[in-house]
Amino acid sequence: MITMGDWEIIHKFSRDKAVKVEIGTANGLTSILISKGGGKTYTIDIRKDLALKRYLERYGIEAISGDSVESAELFEDDSIDFLFIDGSHGYDDVKRDYAAWFPKVKRDCPILMHDVDRVHGGVFAFYQNEIEKEKKENRIKELWQKSDYDTNTKVFVKI
């Protein structure tokens, strides 16, 4: 579930970005928020929902139906300015998404990872194991987040 704090962070980091990608469309509301502030927004989901796809097209959002890892091949390396990861919450799935999409983001690209909490064990474990390792290896830097609301979204950038 997207909280007010999540919305605040998503809005802050997705503004003024040329190419924005969301992994995990759900009902499309986060896609619409991400699309605000200019640029081109893509949302990827395994489900094929033609009505949702047509609805999102009204906001200039391109909805891609398919596996998130396979869909990464549609994008050039170093071509994405904003990435929101909120697909499958299993540890191995999060790891696959991160591995497939990390090369696609530009340096200093905000990467947002949603549901980093103990309720979503796979995301939380991935963050604690893999993202912490990435930080120690100086591949990414976590950004400080200030919100007046609760959030379980983590923000980091490729360095």
N, C-alpha and C. Protein backbone atom coordinates (compact mmCIF):
# COMPACT_ATOMS: atom_id res chain seq x y z
N MET A 1 0.84 -1.19 0.00
CA MET A 1 0.00 0.00 0.00
C MET A 1 0.88 1.25 0.00
N ILE A 2 0.56 2.17 -0.83
CA ILE A 2 1.30 3.42 -0.94
C ILE A 2 0.77 4.39 0.14
N THR A 3 1.66 4.86 1.00
CA THR A 3 1.29 5.80 2.06
C THR A 3 1.47 7.24 1.58
N MET A 4 1.02 8.18 2.37
CA MET A 4 1.22 9.60 2.03
C MET A 4 2.71 9.92 1.94
N GLY A 5 3.50 9.32 2.83
CA GLY A 5 4.95 9.52 2.78
C GLY A 5 5.56 8.98 1.50
N ASP A 6 5.08 7.81 1.06
CA ASP A 6 5.54 7.24 -0.20
C ASP A 6 5.22 8.19 -1.35
N TRP A 7 3.99 8.68 -1.38
CA TRP A 7 3.57 9.60 -2.44
C TRP A 7 4.47 10.83 -2.46
N GLU A 8 4.75 11.37 -1.28
CA GLU A 8 5.59 12.56 -1.19
C GLU A 8 6.98 12.29 -1.78
N ILE A 9 7.57 11.16 -1.42
CA ILE A 9 8.90 10.81 -1.90
C ILE A 9 8.89 10.53 -3.40
N ILE A 10 7.89 9.78 -3.87
CA ILE A 10 7.79 9.49 -5.30
C ILE A 10 7.68 10.79 -6.10
N HIS A 11 6.82 11.67 -5.65
CA HIS A 11 6.64 12.95 -6.35
C HIS A 11 7.94 13.76 -6.36
N LYS A 12 8.60 13.82 -5.22
CA LYS A 12 9.84 14.61 -5.12
C LYS A 12 10.91 14.12 -6.09
N PHE A 13 11.11 12.81 -6.16
CA PHE A 13 12.22 12.28 -6.94
C PHE A 13 11.88 12.01 -8.40
N SER A 14 10.60 11.99 -8.77
CA SER A 14 10.25 11.72 -10.17
C SER A 14 10.05 13.00 -10.99
N ARG A 15 10.01 14.14 -10.34
CA ARG A 15 9.83 15.40 -11.07
C ARG A 15 11.01 15.68 -11.98
N ASP A 16 10.71 16.27 -13.12
CA ASP A 16 11.72 16.75 -14.06
C ASP A 16 12.68 15.66 -14.53
N LYS A 17 12.20 14.45 -14.65
CA LYS A 17 13.02 13.35 -15.16
C LYS A 17 12.52 13.00 -16.56
N ALA A 18 13.43 12.76 -17.49
CA ALA A 18 13.06 12.53 -18.88
C ALA A 18 12.45 11.14 -19.10
N VAL A 19 13.09 10.10 -18.54
CA VAL A 19 12.62 8.73 -18.74
C VAL A 19 12.42 8.09 -17.37
N LYS A 20 11.16 7.70 -17.10
CA LYS A 20 10.78 7.16 -15.80
C LYS A 20 10.17 5.79 -15.98
N VAL A 21 10.58 4.83 -15.12
CA VAL A 21 10.08 3.47 -15.22
C VAL A 21 9.58 3.01 -13.86
N GLU A 22 8.41 2.38 -13.90
CA GLU A 22 7.82 1.77 -12.71
C GLU A 22 7.70 0.27 -12.97
N ILE A 23 8.16 -0.53 -12.03
CA ILE A 23 8.00 -1.98 -12.10
C ILE A 23 6.87 -2.36 -11.15
N GLY A 24 5.76 -2.86 -11.67
CA GLY A 24 4.59 -3.19 -10.87
C GLY A 24 3.54 -2.10 -10.98
N THR A 25 2.57 -2.27 -11.85
CA THR A 25 1.58 -1.23 -12.14
C THR A 25 0.45 -1.17 -11.13
N ALA A 26 0.00 -2.32 -10.64
CA ALA A 26 -1.18 -2.41 -9.75
C ALA A 26 -2.36 -1.72 -10.44
N ASN A 27 -2.95 -0.70 -9.79
CA ASN A 27 -4.12 -0.04 -10.37
C ASN A 27 -3.77 1.19 -11.20
N GLY A 28 -2.48 1.52 -11.30
CA GLY A 28 -2.05 2.62 -12.16
C GLY A 28 -1.97 3.98 -11.48
N LEU A 29 -2.40 4.10 -10.24
CA LEU A 29 -2.38 5.41 -9.59
C LEU A 29 -0.96 5.92 -9.36
N THR A 30 -0.06 5.03 -8.98
CA THR A 30 1.33 5.46 -8.80
C THR A 30 1.93 5.84 -10.14
N SER A 31 1.54 5.14 -11.19
CA SER A 31 2.01 5.48 -12.55
C SER A 31 1.63 6.91 -12.89
N ILE A 32 0.42 7.28 -12.56
CA ILE A 32 -0.06 8.64 -12.87
C ILE A 32 0.73 9.67 -12.07
N LEU A 33 0.98 9.39 -10.79
CA LEU A 33 1.78 10.31 -9.97
C LEU A 33 3.18 10.47 -10.57
N ILE A 34 3.79 9.36 -10.94
CA ILE A 34 5.13 9.40 -11.51
C ILE A 34 5.15 10.21 -12.81
N SER A 35 4.08 10.14 -13.58
CA SER A 35 4.03 10.83 -14.87
C SER A 35 3.94 12.35 -14.73
N LYS A 36 3.53 12.83 -13.58
CA LYS A 36 3.43 14.27 -13.37
C LYS A 36 4.83 14.88 -13.36
N GLY A 37 4.93 16.08 -13.84
CA GLY A 37 6.22 16.76 -13.80
C GLY A 37 7.08 16.53 -15.04
N GLY A 38 6.46 16.06 -16.11
CA GLY A 38 7.16 15.95 -17.38
C GLY A 38 7.83 14.61 -17.61
N GLY A 39 8.40 14.48 -18.79
CA GLY A 39 9.11 13.26 -19.17
C GLY A 39 8.17 12.18 -19.67
N LYS A 40 8.74 11.04 -20.01
CA LYS A 40 8.01 9.88 -20.50
C LYS A 40 8.01 8.81 -19.40
N THR A 41 6.82 8.29 -19.09
CA THR A 41 6.67 7.26 -18.05
C THR A 41 6.29 5.93 -18.68
N TYR A 42 6.99 4.90 -18.24
CA TYR A 42 6.70 3.51 -18.62
C TYR A 42 6.36 2.76 -17.36
N THR A 43 5.35 1.89 -17.43
CA THR A 43 5.02 1.03 -16.30
C THR A 43 4.96 -0.40 -16.80
N ILE A 44 5.53 -1.30 -16.03
CA ILE A 44 5.65 -2.70 -16.45
C ILE A 44 4.93 -3.60 -15.47
N ASP A 45 4.11 -4.49 -16.00
CA ASP A 45 3.39 -5.45 -15.14
C ASP A 45 3.18 -6.74 -15.92
N ILE A 46 3.21 -7.83 -15.22
CA ILE A 46 3.02 -9.15 -15.82
C ILE A 46 1.59 -9.33 -16.34
N ARG A 47 0.65 -8.62 -15.72
CA ARG A 47 -0.76 -8.74 -16.12
C ARG A 47 -1.01 -8.03 -17.45
N LYS A 48 -1.92 -8.59 -18.23
CA LYS A 48 -2.35 -7.94 -19.46
C LYS A 48 -3.74 -7.38 -19.22
N ASP A 49 -3.80 -6.09 -18.96
CA ASP A 49 -5.06 -5.42 -18.68
C ASP A 49 -5.24 -4.31 -19.71
N LEU A 50 -5.96 -4.62 -20.79
CA LEU A 50 -6.10 -3.66 -21.88
C LEU A 50 -6.85 -2.40 -21.48
N ALA A 51 -7.84 -2.54 -20.60
CA ALA A 51 -8.58 -1.36 -20.15
C ALA A 51 -7.66 -0.42 -19.37
N LEU A 52 -6.84 -0.97 -18.50
CA LEU A 52 -5.90 -0.15 -17.74
C LEU A 52 -4.87 0.47 -18.68
N LYS A 53 -4.40 -0.29 -19.64
CA LYS A 53 -3.43 0.23 -20.60
C LYS A 53 -4.00 1.44 -21.35
N ARG A 54 -5.24 1.32 -21.83
CA ARG A 54 -5.88 2.44 -22.54
C ARG A 54 -6.08 3.64 -21.60
N TYR A 55 -6.44 3.37 -20.36
CA TYR A 55 -6.63 4.44 -19.38
C TYR A 55 -5.32 5.19 -19.15
N LEU A 56 -4.24 4.47 -18.95
CA LEU A 56 -2.95 5.10 -18.69
C LEU A 56 -2.43 5.86 -19.90
N GLU A 57 -2.77 5.41 -21.10
CA GLU A 57 -2.37 6.12 -22.31
C GLU A 57 -2.92 7.54 -22.33
N ARG A 58 -4.07 7.77 -21.71
CA ARG A 58 -4.63 9.13 -21.64
C ARG A 58 -3.72 10.08 -20.87
N TYR A 59 -2.86 9.53 -20.02
CA TYR A 59 -1.91 10.33 -19.25
C TYR A 59 -0.52 10.32 -19.88
N GLY A 60 -0.41 9.75 -21.08
CA GLY A 60 0.87 9.67 -21.76
C GLY A 60 1.78 8.58 -21.23
N ILE A 61 1.22 7.64 -20.50
CA ILE A 61 2.00 6.55 -19.89
C ILE A 61 1.95 5.34 -20.81
N GLU A 62 3.12 4.75 -21.05
CA GLU A 62 3.17 3.52 -21.84
C GLU A 62 3.20 2.33 -20.91
N ALA A 63 2.13 1.54 -20.94
CA ALA A 63 2.03 0.34 -20.12
C ALA A 63 2.55 -0.85 -20.92
N ILE A 64 3.54 -1.52 -20.35
CA ILE A 64 4.15 -2.69 -21.00
C ILE A 64 3.72 -3.93 -20.24
N SER A 65 3.10 -4.87 -20.94
CA SER A 65 2.68 -6.14 -20.33
C SER A 65 3.77 -7.17 -20.57
N GLY A 66 4.27 -7.74 -19.48
CA GLY A 66 5.28 -8.77 -19.63
C GLY A 66 6.12 -8.91 -18.37
N ASP A 67 7.00 -9.85 -18.41
CA ASP A 67 7.93 -10.09 -17.32
C ASP A 67 8.85 -8.88 -17.16
N SER A 68 9.03 -8.43 -15.94
CA SER A 68 9.83 -7.23 -15.71
C SER A 68 11.28 -7.40 -16.13
N VAL A 69 11.85 -8.57 -15.91
CA VAL A 69 13.24 -8.80 -16.29
C VAL A 69 13.39 -8.81 -17.81
N GLU A 70 12.49 -9.50 -18.50
CA GLU A 70 12.53 -9.51 -19.96
C GLU A 70 12.27 -8.12 -20.52
N SER A 71 11.40 -7.35 -19.89
CA SER A 71 11.08 -6.00 -20.36
C SER A 71 12.26 -5.05 -20.23
N ALA A 72 13.18 -5.33 -19.34
CA ALA A 72 14.37 -4.48 -19.20
C ALA A 72 15.16 -4.42 -20.51
N GLU A 73 15.06 -5.49 -21.30
CA GLU A 73 15.80 -5.53 -22.57
C GLU A 73 15.28 -4.50 -23.58
N LEU A 74 14.11 -3.93 -23.34
CA LEU A 74 13.56 -2.91 -24.22
C LEU A 74 14.26 -1.56 -24.05
N PHE A 75 15.08 -1.44 -23.01
CA PHE A 75 15.72 -0.17 -22.68
C PHE A 75 17.23 -0.30 -22.82
N GLU A 76 17.84 0.76 -23.33
CA GLU A 76 19.30 0.80 -23.44
C GLU A 76 19.92 0.97 -22.05
N ASP A 77 21.16 0.53 -21.89
CA ASP A 77 21.89 0.80 -20.66
C ASP A 77 22.05 2.31 -20.50
N ASP A 78 22.05 2.77 -19.26
CA ASP A 78 22.23 4.19 -18.92
C ASP A 78 21.21 5.09 -19.60
N SER A 79 19.95 4.65 -19.69
CA SER A 79 18.93 5.43 -20.38
C SER A 79 17.80 5.92 -19.47
N ILE A 80 17.75 5.45 -18.23
CA ILE A 80 16.62 5.75 -17.35
C ILE A 80 17.02 6.78 -16.30
N ASP A 81 16.13 7.75 -16.07
CA ASP A 81 16.39 8.84 -15.12
C ASP A 81 15.69 8.64 -13.78
N PHE A 82 14.73 7.72 -13.71
CA PHE A 82 13.98 7.45 -12.47
C PHE A 82 13.46 6.02 -12.54
N LEU A 83 13.67 5.26 -11.44
CA LEU A 83 13.21 3.87 -11.39
C LEU A 83 12.49 3.62 -10.07
N PHE A 84 11.26 3.09 -10.17
CA PHE A 84 10.47 2.73 -8.99
C PHE A 84 10.24 1.22 -9.02
N ILE A 85 10.79 0.51 -8.05
CA ILE A 85 10.68 -0.95 -7.99
C ILE A 85 9.60 -1.33 -6.99
N ASP A 86 8.50 -1.89 -7.51
CA ASP A 86 7.38 -2.30 -6.66
C ASP A 86 6.65 -3.47 -7.33
N GLY A 87 7.44 -4.44 -7.82
CA GLY A 87 6.86 -5.61 -8.48
C GLY A 87 6.64 -6.72 -7.48
N SER A 88 6.98 -7.94 -7.87
CA SER A 88 6.86 -9.08 -6.97
C SER A 88 7.75 -8.86 -5.75
N HIS A 89 7.27 -9.30 -4.58
CA HIS A 89 7.95 -9.01 -3.33
C HIS A 89 8.79 -10.17 -2.80
N GLY A 90 8.92 -11.25 -3.57
CA GLY A 90 9.77 -12.36 -3.18
C GLY A 90 11.24 -11.97 -3.32
N TYR A 91 12.07 -12.47 -2.45
CA TYR A 91 13.50 -12.13 -2.43
C TYR A 91 14.14 -12.34 -3.80
N ASP A 92 13.97 -13.51 -4.37
CA ASP A 92 14.60 -13.81 -5.67
C ASP A 92 14.06 -12.92 -6.78
N ASP A 93 12.77 -12.59 -6.72
CA ASP A 93 12.18 -11.72 -7.74
C ASP A 93 12.73 -10.30 -7.64
N VAL A 94 12.85 -9.80 -6.43
CA VAL A 94 13.42 -8.45 -6.22
C VAL A 94 14.86 -8.44 -6.71
N LYS A 95 15.60 -9.50 -6.40
CA LYS A 95 17.01 -9.59 -6.82
C LYS A 95 17.11 -9.60 -8.35
N ARG A 96 16.23 -10.34 -9.01
CA ARG A 96 16.22 -10.38 -10.48
C ARG A 96 15.89 -9.01 -11.07
N ASP A 97 14.88 -8.34 -10.50
CA ASP A 97 14.51 -7.01 -10.99
C ASP A 97 15.69 -6.05 -10.84
N TYR A 98 16.29 -6.05 -9.68
CA TYR A 98 17.40 -5.12 -9.43
C TYR A 98 18.55 -5.40 -10.40
N ALA A 99 18.90 -6.66 -10.56
CA ALA A 99 20.02 -7.02 -11.44
C ALA A 99 19.73 -6.64 -12.90
N ALA A 100 18.49 -6.81 -13.33
CA ALA A 100 18.13 -6.50 -14.72
C ALA A 100 18.06 -5.00 -14.98
N TRP A 101 17.59 -4.24 -14.02
CA TRP A 101 17.33 -2.82 -14.23
C TRP A 101 18.47 -1.91 -13.82
N PHE A 102 19.34 -2.32 -12.92
CA PHE A 102 20.42 -1.45 -12.47
C PHE A 102 21.29 -0.94 -13.63
N PRO A 103 21.67 -1.78 -14.59
CA PRO A 103 22.47 -1.26 -15.71
C PRO A 103 21.71 -0.25 -16.57
N LYS A 104 20.40 -0.25 -16.50
CA LYS A 104 19.58 0.62 -17.35
C LYS A 104 19.50 2.06 -16.82
N VAL A 105 19.82 2.26 -15.53
CA VAL A 105 19.69 3.60 -14.95
C VAL A 105 20.98 4.39 -15.15
N LYS A 106 20.81 5.69 -15.31
CA LYS A 106 21.95 6.59 -15.43
C LYS A 106 22.59 6.82 -14.07
N ARG A 107 23.79 7.31 -14.10
CA ARG A 107 24.46 7.72 -12.86
C ARG A 107 23.61 8.83 -12.22
N ASP A 108 23.50 8.80 -10.91
CA ASP A 108 22.70 9.75 -10.12
C ASP A 108 21.20 9.58 -10.32
N CYS A 109 20.78 8.51 -10.95
CA CYS A 109 19.36 8.23 -11.12
C CYS A 109 18.75 7.81 -9.79
N PRO A 110 17.66 8.44 -9.35
CA PRO A 110 16.98 7.96 -8.15
C PRO A 110 16.34 6.60 -8.41
N ILE A 111 16.67 5.66 -7.54
CA ILE A 111 16.06 4.33 -7.57
C ILE A 111 15.26 4.22 -6.28
N LEU A 112 13.95 4.05 -6.42
CA LEU A 112 13.09 3.92 -5.26
C LEU A 112 12.65 2.47 -5.13
N MET A 113 12.75 1.94 -3.94
CA MET A 113 12.34 0.57 -3.66
C MET A 113 11.23 0.63 -2.62
N HIS A 114 10.05 0.13 -3.00
CA HIS A 114 8.88 0.20 -2.13
C HIS A 114 8.74 -1.05 -1.28
N ASP A 115 8.08 -0.91 -0.15
CA ASP A 115 7.76 -2.00 0.77
C ASP A 115 9.00 -2.60 1.45
N VAL A 116 9.94 -1.74 1.80
CA VAL A 116 11.11 -2.18 2.56
C VAL A 116 10.71 -2.17 4.03
N ASP A 117 10.05 -3.25 4.44
CA ASP A 117 9.62 -3.39 5.83
C ASP A 117 9.50 -4.87 6.15
N ARG A 118 9.35 -5.19 7.41
CA ARG A 118 9.34 -6.59 7.83
C ARG A 118 8.09 -7.34 7.35
N VAL A 119 7.02 -6.63 7.05
CA VAL A 119 5.80 -7.27 6.52
C VAL A 119 6.09 -7.89 5.16
N HIS A 120 6.90 -7.22 4.38
CA HIS A 120 7.28 -7.68 3.05
C HIS A 120 8.68 -8.26 3.13
N GLY A 121 8.78 -9.45 3.71
CA GLY A 121 10.06 -10.06 4.07
C GLY A 121 11.07 -10.17 2.96
N GLY A 122 10.62 -10.50 1.74
CA GLY A 122 11.56 -10.65 0.64
C GLY A 122 12.22 -9.34 0.27
N VAL A 123 11.45 -8.27 0.21
CA VAL A 123 12.00 -6.95 -0.12
C VAL A 123 12.93 -6.49 1.00
N PHE A 124 12.48 -6.67 2.23
CA PHE A 124 13.27 -6.24 3.39
C PHE A 124 14.61 -7.00 3.44
N ALA A 125 14.56 -8.32 3.26
CA ALA A 125 15.79 -9.12 3.30
C ALA A 125 16.72 -8.74 2.16
N PHE A 126 16.17 -8.53 0.96
CA PHE A 126 17.00 -8.11 -0.17
C PHE A 126 17.69 -6.79 0.15
N TYR A 127 16.92 -5.86 0.67
CA TYR A 127 17.51 -4.55 1.00
C TYR A 127 18.63 -4.70 2.02
N GLN A 128 18.37 -5.45 3.07
CA GLN A 128 19.39 -5.60 4.12
C GLN A 128 20.62 -6.35 3.62
N ASN A 129 20.45 -7.33 2.77
CA ASN A 129 21.59 -8.11 2.29
C ASN A 129 22.28 -7.46 1.09
N GLU A 130 21.53 -7.25 0.04
CA GLU A 130 22.13 -6.83 -1.23
C GLU A 130 22.38 -5.33 -1.32
N ILE A 131 21.41 -4.53 -0.91
CA ILE A 131 21.58 -3.08 -1.03
C ILE A 131 22.66 -2.59 -0.06
N GLU A 132 22.68 -3.14 1.12
CA GLU A 132 23.74 -2.76 2.06
C GLU A 132 25.12 -3.11 1.48
N LYS A 133 25.23 -4.25 0.80
CA LYS A 133 26.48 -4.65 0.16
C LYS A 133 26.83 -3.67 -0.97
N GLU A 134 25.83 -3.28 -1.75
CA GLU A 134 26.05 -2.32 -2.84
C GLU A 134 26.55 -0.98 -2.29
N LYS A 135 26.02 -0.57 -1.16
CA LYS A 135 26.48 0.69 -0.55
C LYS A 135 27.93 0.57 -0.11
N LYS A 136 28.30 -0.53 0.50
CA LYS A 136 29.68 -0.73 0.96
C LYS A 136 30.65 -0.79 -0.21
N GLU A 137 30.19 -1.29 -1.36
CA GLU A 137 31.04 -1.37 -2.55
C GLU A 137 31.02 -0.07 -3.37
N ASN A 138 30.35 0.96 -2.84
CA ASN A 138 30.27 2.28 -3.48
C ASN A 138 29.67 2.24 -4.88
N ARG A 139 28.71 1.34 -5.07
CA ARG A 139 27.96 1.32 -6.34
C ARG A 139 26.72 2.20 -6.25
N ILE A 140 26.21 2.36 -5.03
CA ILE A 140 25.04 3.21 -4.80
C ILE A 140 25.25 4.02 -3.52
N LYS A 141 24.45 5.07 -3.41
CA LYS A 141 24.44 5.91 -2.21
C LYS A 141 22.99 6.10 -1.81
N GLU A 142 22.70 5.86 -0.54
CA GLU A 142 21.33 6.08 -0.07
C GLU A 142 21.12 7.56 0.16
N LEU A 143 19.94 8.04 -0.24
CA LEU A 143 19.59 9.44 -0.04
C LEU A 143 18.77 9.58 1.23
N TRP A 144 18.99 10.63 1.93
CA TRP A 144 18.22 10.90 3.14
C TRP A 144 16.81 11.28 2.74
N GLN A 145 15.84 10.77 3.48
CA GLN A 145 14.44 11.04 3.18
C GLN A 145 13.81 11.73 4.37
N LYS A 146 13.17 12.83 4.12
CA LYS A 146 12.41 13.50 5.16
C LYS A 146 10.96 13.55 4.71
N SER A 147 10.08 13.05 5.55
CA SER A 147 8.66 13.04 5.24
C SER A 147 7.89 13.30 6.52
N ASP A 148 6.79 13.99 6.39
CA ASP A 148 5.90 14.20 7.53
C ASP A 148 5.00 13.00 7.76
N TYR A 149 5.08 12.00 6.91
CA TYR A 149 4.23 10.83 6.98
C TYR A 149 5.10 9.57 7.04
N ASP A 150 4.50 8.46 7.44
CA ASP A 150 5.21 7.18 7.43
C ASP A 150 5.52 6.77 6.00
N THR A 151 6.65 6.14 5.82
CA THR A 151 7.00 5.63 4.50
C THR A 151 7.79 4.34 4.66
N ASN A 152 7.64 3.45 3.70
CA ASN A 152 8.47 2.25 3.64
C ASN A 152 9.14 2.17 2.27
N THR A 153 9.44 3.35 1.71
CA THR A 153 10.14 3.47 0.44
C THR A 153 11.56 3.97 0.72
N LYS A 154 12.53 3.25 0.18
CA LYS A 154 13.93 3.64 0.30
C LYS A 154 14.38 4.25 -1.02
N VAL A 155 15.25 5.24 -0.94
CA VAL A 155 15.74 5.94 -2.13
C VAL A 155 17.25 5.89 -2.13
N PHE A 156 17.81 5.49 -3.27
CA PHE A 156 19.25 5.51 -3.43
C PHE A 156 19.57 5.87 -4.87
N VAL A 157 20.82 6.20 -5.14
CA VAL A 157 21.24 6.58 -6.49
C VAL A 157 22.46 5.76 -6.89
N LYS A 158 22.58 5.55 -8.18
CA LYS A 158 23.75 4.89 -8.76
C LYS A 158 24.90 5.88 -8.78
N ILE A 159 26.07 5.45 -8.29
CA ILE A 159 27.23 6.36 -8.30
C ILE A 159 28.35 5.79 -9.16
